[in-house]
Amino acid sequence: MRVLVINCGSSSFKYRLFEMETEATLAKGLVERIGAPGTTLKHQATGKDPYQAECKGSDHTAAMTAVLEVLTDPQWGVLKSVEEIAAVGHRIVHGGERFSRSVLVDEDVIQYIAALSELAPLHNPPHIMGIRACQRVLPGVPMAVVFDTAFHQEMPPEAFMYAIPYELYEKYGIRRYGFHGTSHKYVATRAAELMGRPLAELKIITCHLGNGSSVAAVKGGRSIDTSMGFTPLEGLVMGTRSGDIDPAVVPFLMNKEGLTAEQVINGLFNKQSGVLGVSGLSHDFRDLEDAAADPVKPHRRARLALEMFAYRLRKYIGAYFVAMGGLDALVFTAGIGENSYEMRARVCRGLECLGIILDGERNRVRGVEAEIGAPESRVRIFAIPTNEELLIARETADLIAGDSRAAASAAVRAKKTEF
């Protein structure tokens, strides 16, 4: 079975094609600047030279058409026909309270995703564009949606509720949803495999660290708490997001700076805060690490931003250690977690009291799967590159196979009824 995984943004279109029998990536790519001049397709088929070309058309349907053309191109592609695509899996950021697992796409599902656009205005509308584009270009091909929020939907009420009037939760669904669930689920599962133990027996803290960052407490394979909340703004210090902050700061800044609530939340806290706001230099942690380590004139605010990021994460790790009643493994993933051994060292410094002891030499790896804890560490520590696309492909294939089995079973029952 060949599954095409799509992650659709407002002006971009990422894709990866899998052969599910081996879980090998056959091809991957990105369409950029959709809706603007110079729309570009960047494509890489496994074992072939990279390909880049300008796309015709100005919408997601045109982008999807271009992707299918290159996938079936004799020189650059890997398919003889688009009919080889058995299913399409879509990454969806927000699934609300309704979806605690991945589901097959139908019109009811699409409308529910659309209704959640108020909670994820930058993500859910483009996701729907991607689904609609596939419906037009690949009519009849089954599709599944895999939600970033789904993995966190089994959090207990004491973890997901806010201490506001309960009626507001009932009326508007104001609660902690959590995000990056696909990544947290993948690396927790992979850590269990590396440990040679059932996931259901383990207590794991997973740290998805990138420009957007979150941490999750995974107990027995279930997320029982996570740092992001009603929106991805809550939790850790991030590239441009403030993370946890006293809500009273919002009206204070509105009064002092003459700003609207929208300008404070989306302007200041989402786009101008985090390590960018503290350092005044960059939201890229590589720039901050270079500046902080400058042998001639270390950048004081860059170092402060890095220490704030690590300190906030250490606090969450300590809290989740207590919430789960212990810890078997600590996992670092995503751009910073996979690649910055400096940040992993900053975070683990001070966690020795919890039995978390990093090995300096084993930790000096970037972008590879590795166990990085010291032999005497009571908690096993891993750097695991995330593979959200593979998890989406797996769940899509499982849904399609399950739907086929259900259809076959229904057909058998119907045939028996005739007699």
Protein backbone atom coordinates (compact mmCIF):
# COMPACT_ATOMS: atom_id res chain seq x y z
CA MET A 1 0.00 0.00 0.00
CA ARG A 2 1.24 3.46 -0.95
CA VAL A 3 0.10 6.35 1.23
CA LEU A 4 0.55 10.03 0.45
CA VAL A 5 0.87 12.24 3.54
CA ILE A 6 0.05 15.93 3.25
CA ASN A 7 0.70 18.85 5.61
CA CYS A 8 -1.01 21.87 4.12
CA GLY A 9 -0.40 25.49 5.13
CA SER A 10 -1.94 28.68 3.83
CA SER A 11 0.87 29.19 1.30
CA SER A 12 2.74 25.88 1.44
CA PHE A 13 2.09 22.23 0.71
CA LYS A 14 4.41 19.57 2.17
CA TYR A 15 4.09 15.96 1.05
CA ARG A 16 5.71 12.57 1.55
CA LEU A 17 4.90 9.29 -0.20
CA PHE A 18 5.36 6.03 1.71
CA GLU A 19 5.51 2.38 0.72
CA MET A 20 3.80 0.93 3.78
CA GLU A 21 5.04 -2.63 3.43
CA THR A 22 8.56 -1.39 4.26
CA GLU A 23 7.61 2.06 5.62
CA ALA A 24 10.15 3.48 3.18
CA THR A 25 9.89 7.04 1.90
CA LEU A 26 9.56 6.93 -1.89
CA ALA A 27 9.47 10.70 -2.41
CA LYS A 28 8.98 13.94 -0.53
CA GLY A 29 8.69 17.60 -1.36
CA LEU A 30 7.29 21.05 -0.81
CA VAL A 31 5.29 23.56 -2.81
CA GLU A 32 6.02 27.11 -1.60
CA ARG A 33 4.51 30.56 -2.19
CA ILE A 34 1.08 29.27 -3.18
CA GLY A 35 -1.09 32.19 -4.25
CA ALA A 36 1.90 34.45 -4.91
CA PRO A 37 4.23 35.00 -7.86
CA GLY A 38 6.97 32.42 -8.14
CA THR A 39 5.16 29.37 -6.76
CA THR A 40 7.86 26.70 -6.59
CA LEU A 41 7.85 22.91 -6.31
CA LYS A 42 10.86 21.25 -4.66
CA HIS A 43 10.82 17.47 -5.06
CA GLN A 44 13.11 14.64 -4.02
CA ALA A 45 12.54 11.01 -5.00
CA THR A 46 14.63 8.47 -3.12
CA GLY A 47 17.69 7.51 -5.17
CA LYS A 48 17.20 10.29 -7.72
CA ASP A 49 18.49 13.84 -8.16
CA PRO A 50 16.44 16.64 -6.62
CA TYR A 51 14.02 18.47 -8.87
CA GLN A 52 12.75 22.04 -8.72
CA ALA A 53 10.34 23.88 -10.99
CA GLU A 54 7.91 26.77 -11.03
CA CYS A 55 4.26 25.75 -10.66
CA LYS A 56 1.41 26.93 -12.82
CA GLY A 57 -1.79 28.04 -11.12
CA SER A 58 -2.32 29.90 -7.89
CA ASP A 59 -4.20 27.65 -5.49
CA HIS A 60 -3.91 24.40 -3.59
CA THR A 61 -5.60 22.37 -6.31
CA ALA A 62 -2.93 23.52 -8.78
CA ALA A 63 -0.26 22.63 -6.23
CA MET A 64 -1.72 19.16 -5.75
CA THR A 65 -1.89 18.68 -9.52
CA ALA A 66 1.78 19.62 -9.81
CA VAL A 67 2.70 17.14 -7.07
CA LEU A 68 0.90 14.28 -8.83
CA GLU A 69 2.54 15.20 -12.13
CA VAL A 70 6.04 15.02 -10.68
CA LEU A 71 5.27 11.81 -8.76
CA THR A 72 4.32 10.14 -12.06
CA ASP A 73 7.01 11.78 -14.18
CA PRO A 74 9.21 9.13 -15.90
CA GLN A 75 12.42 10.92 -14.94
CA TRP A 76 11.69 12.43 -11.52
CA GLY A 77 8.78 10.36 -10.24
CA VAL A 78 8.24 7.01 -8.53
CA LEU A 79 4.75 6.05 -9.73
CA LYS A 80 3.50 4.76 -13.05
CA SER A 81 0.03 6.07 -12.31
CA VAL A 82 -1.75 8.05 -9.58
CA GLU A 83 -3.92 4.95 -9.18
CA GLU A 84 -1.03 3.48 -7.17
CA ILE A 85 -1.89 5.92 -4.35
CA ALA A 86 -4.12 3.86 -2.06
CA ALA A 87 -4.88 6.58 0.47
CA VAL A 88 -4.07 10.11 1.59
CA GLY A 89 -3.36 11.15 5.18
CA HIS A 90 -3.73 14.76 6.28
CA ARG A 91 -2.17 16.41 9.30
CA ILE A 92 -4.77 18.56 11.12
CA VAL A 93 -3.73 20.84 13.97
CA HIS A 94 -6.99 21.11 15.91
CA GLY A 95 -9.57 18.37 16.41
CA GLY A 96 -11.30 19.82 19.47
CA GLU A 97 -12.88 17.53 22.03
CA ARG A 98 -14.68 15.36 19.51
CA PHE A 99 -11.68 13.51 18.10
CA SER A 100 -9.45 11.45 20.36
CA ARG A 101 -8.14 9.42 17.42
CA SER A 102 -7.65 9.63 13.67
CA VAL A 103 -10.73 9.25 11.43
CA LEU A 104 -11.65 8.79 7.79
CA VAL A 105 -12.70 11.93 5.97
CA ASP A 106 -16.34 12.64 5.20
CA GLU A 107 -18.28 15.88 4.86
CA ASP A 108 -19.29 15.88 8.52
CA VAL A 109 -15.64 15.66 9.58
CA ILE A 110 -14.68 18.48 7.21
CA GLN A 111 -17.40 20.74 8.58
CA TYR A 112 -16.32 20.06 12.16
CA ILE A 113 -12.70 20.92 11.30
CA ALA A 114 -13.99 24.14 9.71
CA ALA A 115 -15.99 24.99 12.84
CA LEU A 116 -12.78 24.76 14.87
CA SER A 117 -11.09 27.41 12.73
CA GLU A 118 -11.81 29.97 15.44
CA LEU A 119 -9.41 28.04 17.71
CA ALA A 120 -6.78 27.46 15.00
CA PRO A 121 -7.29 30.25 12.44
CA LEU A 122 -3.82 29.90 10.90
CA HIS A 123 -3.99 26.13 10.51
CA ASN A 124 -7.42 24.53 10.11
CA PRO A 125 -8.60 26.58 7.07
CA PRO A 126 -5.49 25.65 5.02
CA HIS A 127 -5.90 22.02 6.07
CA ILE A 128 -9.40 22.08 4.58
CA MET A 129 -7.95 23.57 1.39
CA GLY A 130 -5.65 20.56 1.17
CA ILE A 131 -8.50 18.10 1.69
CA ARG A 132 -10.65 19.81 -0.95
CA ALA A 133 -7.74 19.85 -3.40
CA CYS A 134 -7.26 16.10 -2.97
CA GLN A 135 -10.97 15.48 -3.43
CA ARG A 136 -10.81 17.30 -6.77
CA VAL A 137 -7.59 15.76 -8.06
CA LEU A 138 -7.90 12.27 -6.53
CA PRO A 139 -11.63 11.59 -6.57
CA GLY A 140 -12.59 8.37 -4.84
CA VAL A 141 -9.26 7.89 -3.07
CA PRO A 142 -9.94 7.37 0.67
CA MET A 143 -8.51 9.98 3.02
CA ALA A 144 -7.83 10.14 6.74
CA VAL A 145 -7.18 13.04 9.10
CA VAL A 146 -4.70 12.78 11.96
CA PHE A 147 -5.07 15.45 14.64
CA ASP A 148 -2.27 17.12 16.63
CA THR A 149 -4.68 17.42 19.55
CA ALA A 150 -5.99 13.84 19.52
CA PHE A 151 -3.18 12.27 21.55
CA HIS A 152 -3.91 14.63 24.45
CA GLN A 153 -7.65 13.99 24.59
CA GLU A 154 -7.29 11.37 27.31
CA MET A 155 -5.88 13.87 29.79
CA PRO A 156 -7.89 13.76 33.03
CA PRO A 157 -10.16 16.74 33.83
CA GLU A 158 -7.89 17.98 36.60
CA ALA A 159 -5.16 18.38 33.97
CA PHE A 160 -7.15 19.88 31.09
CA MET A 161 -9.58 22.14 32.95
CA TYR A 162 -8.94 25.81 33.71
CA ALA A 163 -10.11 27.24 37.04
CA ILE A 164 -12.69 29.52 35.45
CA PRO A 165 -16.50 29.33 35.77
CA TYR A 166 -17.45 25.84 34.61
CA GLU A 167 -20.22 27.27 32.44
CA LEU A 168 -17.60 28.89 30.19
CA TYR A 169 -16.04 25.49 29.54
CA GLU A 170 -19.44 24.05 28.69
CA LYS A 171 -20.41 27.01 26.51
CA TYR A 172 -17.19 27.68 24.61
CA GLY A 173 -14.97 24.63 25.14
CA ILE A 174 -12.35 26.68 26.96
CA ARG A 175 -9.88 24.06 28.18
CA ARG A 176 -6.35 22.83 27.59
CA TYR A 177 -6.13 20.88 24.32
CA GLY A 178 -2.40 20.44 23.79
CA PHE A 179 -0.59 20.21 20.45
CA HIS A 180 2.31 18.38 18.76
CA GLY A 181 0.48 15.18 19.72
CA THR A 182 1.57 13.27 16.63
CA SER A 183 5.22 13.95 17.43
CA HIS A 184 4.85 13.14 21.13
CA LYS A 185 3.12 9.86 20.30
CA TYR A 186 5.71 8.84 17.70
CA VAL A 187 8.79 9.44 19.87
CA ALA A 188 7.21 7.86 22.97
CA THR A 189 6.44 4.76 20.93
CA ARG A 190 9.94 4.73 19.47
CA ALA A 191 11.53 5.13 22.92
CA ALA A 192 9.62 2.08 24.15
CA GLU A 193 10.91 0.12 21.15
CA LEU A 194 14.50 1.17 21.88
CA MET A 195 14.06 0.15 25.51
CA GLY A 196 12.59 -3.21 24.51
CA ARG A 197 9.63 -2.69 26.82
CA PRO A 198 5.87 -2.32 26.28
CA LEU A 199 4.80 1.31 26.04
CA ALA A 200 1.89 0.49 28.36
CA GLU A 201 4.36 -0.14 31.21
CA LEU A 202 6.40 3.06 30.85
CA LYS A 203 6.45 6.60 32.19
CA ILE A 204 7.99 8.89 29.57
CA ILE A 205 8.47 12.66 29.27
CA THR A 206 8.71 13.78 25.65
CA CYS A 207 10.16 17.19 24.79
CA HIS A 208 9.25 18.54 21.33
CA LEU A 209 11.61 21.50 21.07
CA GLY A 210 11.54 23.78 18.05
CA ASN A 211 10.41 27.29 17.22
CA GLY A 212 7.19 26.03 18.79
CA SER A 213 7.87 23.81 21.78
CA SER A 214 5.89 21.57 24.10
CA VAL A 215 6.47 18.82 26.65
CA ALA A 216 4.19 15.90 27.46
CA ALA A 217 3.82 13.40 30.28
CA VAL A 218 3.13 10.01 28.68
CA LYS A 219 2.05 7.34 31.16
CA GLY A 220 1.16 3.89 29.90
CA GLY A 221 1.09 5.18 26.33
CA ARG A 222 -1.40 7.96 27.14
CA SER A 223 -0.77 11.68 27.42
CA ILE A 224 -1.84 12.65 30.94
CA ASP A 225 -0.57 16.24 30.75
CA THR A 226 1.07 18.60 28.29
CA SER A 227 2.38 22.16 28.35
CA MET A 228 0.40 23.79 25.54
CA GLY A 229 -3.16 24.74 26.34
CA PHE A 230 -6.23 26.32 24.75
CA THR A 231 -3.84 27.57 22.07
CA PRO A 232 -0.17 26.84 21.28
CA LEU A 233 0.77 30.02 23.18
CA GLU A 234 0.72 28.43 26.64
CA GLY A 235 3.63 26.56 28.17
CA LEU A 236 7.34 26.74 27.41
CA VAL A 237 9.25 29.79 26.27
CA MET A 238 9.45 29.45 22.47
CA GLY A 239 11.01 31.10 19.44
CA THR A 240 8.60 34.04 19.28
CA ARG A 241 5.89 32.97 21.79
CA SER A 242 5.91 34.03 25.41
CA GLY A 243 4.64 30.77 26.90
CA ASP A 244 3.09 30.93 30.37
CA ILE A 245 2.29 34.50 31.45
CA ASP A 246 0.06 36.24 33.98
CA PRO A 247 -3.20 37.07 32.11
CA ALA A 248 -3.30 40.42 33.90
CA VAL A 249 -0.39 41.53 31.71
CA VAL A 250 -2.82 41.73 28.76
CA PRO A 251 -5.02 44.60 30.05
CA PHE A 252 -1.95 46.25 31.60
CA LEU A 253 -0.25 46.51 28.20
CA MET A 254 -3.48 47.52 26.52
CA ASN A 255 -3.71 50.50 28.86
CA LYS A 256 -0.03 51.42 28.87
CA GLU A 257 0.69 50.94 25.16
CA GLY A 258 -2.71 51.78 23.68
CA LEU A 259 -3.03 48.34 22.11
CA THR A 260 -6.02 46.10 21.45
CA ALA A 261 -6.24 42.62 22.95
CA GLU A 262 -5.59 41.20 19.48
CA GLN A 263 -2.41 43.25 19.16
CA VAL A 264 -1.15 42.11 22.55
CA ILE A 265 -1.90 38.41 22.03
CA ASN A 266 -1.08 37.93 18.35
CA GLY A 267 1.32 40.81 17.89
CA LEU A 268 3.39 40.82 21.06
CA PHE A 269 2.95 37.44 22.72
CA ASN A 270 2.80 35.23 19.61
CA LYS A 271 5.21 36.98 17.25
CA GLN A 272 7.54 39.28 19.18
CA SER A 273 8.16 37.45 22.45
CA GLY A 274 9.92 34.23 23.44
CA VAL A 275 13.68 34.07 22.95
CA LEU A 276 13.39 36.70 20.20
CA GLY A 277 11.84 39.21 22.57
CA VAL A 278 14.24 38.49 25.42
CA SER A 279 17.41 38.43 23.33
CA GLY A 280 16.47 41.19 20.90
CA LEU A 281 18.59 39.22 18.46
CA SER A 282 16.89 36.21 16.87
CA HIS A 283 14.28 33.48 17.27
CA ASP A 284 16.78 30.95 15.89
CA PHE A 285 18.43 29.09 18.75
CA ARG A 286 21.55 28.50 16.65
CA ASP A 287 22.10 32.25 16.42
CA LEU A 288 21.58 32.60 20.17
CA GLU A 289 24.00 29.80 21.02
CA ASP A 290 26.67 31.31 18.76
CA ALA A 291 26.16 34.79 20.25
CA ALA A 292 26.12 33.56 23.84
CA ALA A 293 29.35 31.62 23.29
CA ASP A 294 31.22 34.47 21.58
CA PRO A 295 34.72 34.35 23.14
CA VAL A 296 35.28 38.08 22.76
CA LYS A 297 31.92 39.57 23.73
CA PRO A 298 29.27 37.06 24.85
CA HIS A 299 25.75 38.29 24.19
CA ARG A 300 24.23 38.65 27.66
CA ARG A 301 20.58 38.68 26.59
CA ALA A 302 21.07 35.72 24.22
CA ARG A 303 22.41 33.73 27.16
CA LEU A 304 19.50 34.88 29.33
CA ALA A 305 17.00 33.73 26.68
CA LEU A 306 18.62 30.30 26.51
CA GLU A 307 18.68 29.94 30.29
CA MET A 308 15.02 30.97 30.52
CA PHE A 309 14.08 28.35 27.94
CA ALA A 310 15.99 25.61 29.77
CA TYR A 311 14.72 26.66 33.21
CA ARG A 312 11.08 26.60 32.15
CA LEU A 313 11.53 23.15 30.61
CA ARG A 314 13.27 21.84 33.74
CA LYS A 315 10.30 22.99 35.83
CA TYR A 316 7.88 21.11 33.58
CA ILE A 317 10.03 17.97 33.68
CA GLY A 318 10.05 18.08 37.47
CA ALA A 319 6.30 18.61 37.62
CA TYR A 320 5.58 15.74 35.24
CA PHE A 321 7.96 13.47 37.15
CA VAL A 322 5.72 14.00 40.18
CA ALA A 323 2.48 13.78 38.15
CA MET A 324 3.43 10.31 36.90
CA GLY A 325 4.99 9.13 40.15
CA GLY A 326 8.38 8.52 38.60
CA LEU A 327 10.08 8.41 35.22
CA ASP A 328 11.55 5.72 32.96
CA ALA A 329 12.69 7.82 30.01
CA LEU A 330 13.26 11.41 28.93
CA VAL A 331 13.10 12.07 25.18
CA PHE A 332 14.29 15.10 23.19
CA THR A 333 12.96 15.64 19.66
CA ALA A 334 12.24 18.23 16.91
CA GLY A 335 14.69 20.80 15.56
CA ILE A 336 16.29 21.90 18.83
CA GLY A 337 15.77 18.66 20.72
CA GLU A 338 17.34 16.57 17.95
CA ASN A 339 20.20 18.87 17.03
CA SER A 340 21.28 21.07 19.94
CA TYR A 341 23.41 19.04 22.32
CA GLU A 342 24.16 22.36 24.04
CA MET A 343 20.48 22.88 24.92
CA ARG A 344 20.02 19.26 26.00
CA ALA A 345 22.94 19.78 28.38
CA ARG A 346 21.47 23.04 29.71
CA VAL A 347 18.14 21.37 30.37
CA CYS A 348 19.57 18.31 32.14
CA ARG A 349 21.92 20.37 34.31
CA GLY A 350 20.22 20.32 37.70
CA LEU A 351 18.04 17.27 37.08
CA GLU A 352 20.51 14.89 38.69
CA CYS A 353 18.33 14.91 41.83
CA LEU A 354 15.70 13.05 39.77
CA GLY A 355 18.16 10.46 38.54
CA ILE A 356 18.53 12.20 35.16
CA ILE A 357 22.24 12.23 34.33
CA LEU A 358 23.46 13.12 30.85
CA ASP A 359 26.64 11.64 29.36
CA GLY A 360 28.67 14.51 27.89
CA GLU A 361 30.27 12.47 25.11
CA ARG A 362 27.20 10.43 24.11
CA ASN A 363 25.21 13.67 24.03
CA ARG A 364 27.38 15.26 21.32
CA VAL A 365 25.20 14.12 18.44
CA ARG A 366 22.95 15.98 16.02
CA GLY A 367 19.99 14.74 14.04
CA VAL A 368 20.43 11.06 14.81
CA GLU A 369 18.72 8.56 17.07
CA ALA A 370 20.86 8.02 20.15
CA GLU A 371 20.77 7.13 23.81
CA ILE A 372 22.58 9.95 25.58
CA GLY A 373 22.26 9.18 29.28
CA ALA A 374 25.17 8.26 31.51
CA PRO A 375 25.49 4.61 32.62
CA GLU A 376 24.59 5.62 36.18
CA SER A 377 21.46 7.54 35.12
CA ARG A 378 18.36 5.99 36.66
CA VAL A 379 16.30 7.53 33.86
CA ARG A 380 17.16 6.62 30.29
CA ILE A 381 17.66 9.65 28.04
CA PHE A 382 17.19 9.67 24.27
CA ALA A 383 17.49 12.00 21.30
CA ILE A 384 14.98 10.72 18.75
CA PRO A 385 14.28 12.48 15.42
CA THR A 386 10.53 12.82 15.11
CA ASN A 387 8.71 11.35 12.13
CA GLU A 388 5.18 12.70 12.24
CA GLU A 389 4.64 11.85 8.59
CA LEU A 390 5.32 8.16 9.17
CA LEU A 391 2.89 8.06 12.09
CA ILE A 392 0.24 9.76 9.94
CA ALA A 393 0.88 7.20 7.19
CA ARG A 394 0.61 4.32 9.66
CA GLU A 395 -2.67 5.55 11.12
CA THR A 396 -4.07 6.22 7.64
CA ALA A 397 -3.16 2.72 6.46
CA ASP A 398 -4.69 1.20 9.60
CA LEU A 399 -7.93 3.14 9.10
CA ILE A 400 -8.17 2.15 5.45
CA ALA A 401 -7.48 -1.50 6.26
CA GLY A 402 -10.04 -1.42 9.08
CA ASP A 403 -12.63 0.20 6.86
CA SER A 404 -12.03 -2.46 4.21
CA ARG A 405 -12.44 -5.24 6.77
CA ALA A 406 -15.63 -3.63 8.05
CA ALA A 407 -16.99 -3.34 4.51
CA ALA A 408 -16.13 -6.98 3.78
CA SER A 409 -17.79 -8.09 7.00
CA ALA A 410 -20.91 -6.06 6.18
CA ALA A 411 -21.04 -7.63 2.73
CA VAL A 412 -20.86 -11.11 4.23
CA ARG A 413 -23.64 -10.28 6.69
CA ALA A 414 -25.78 -8.86 3.88
CA LYS A 415 -25.23 -11.97 1.78
CA LYS A 416 -26.25 -14.22 4.67
CA THR A 417 -29.37 -12.16 5.21
CA GLU A 418 -30.48 -12.79 1.63
CA PHE A 419 -30.83 -16.48 2.40
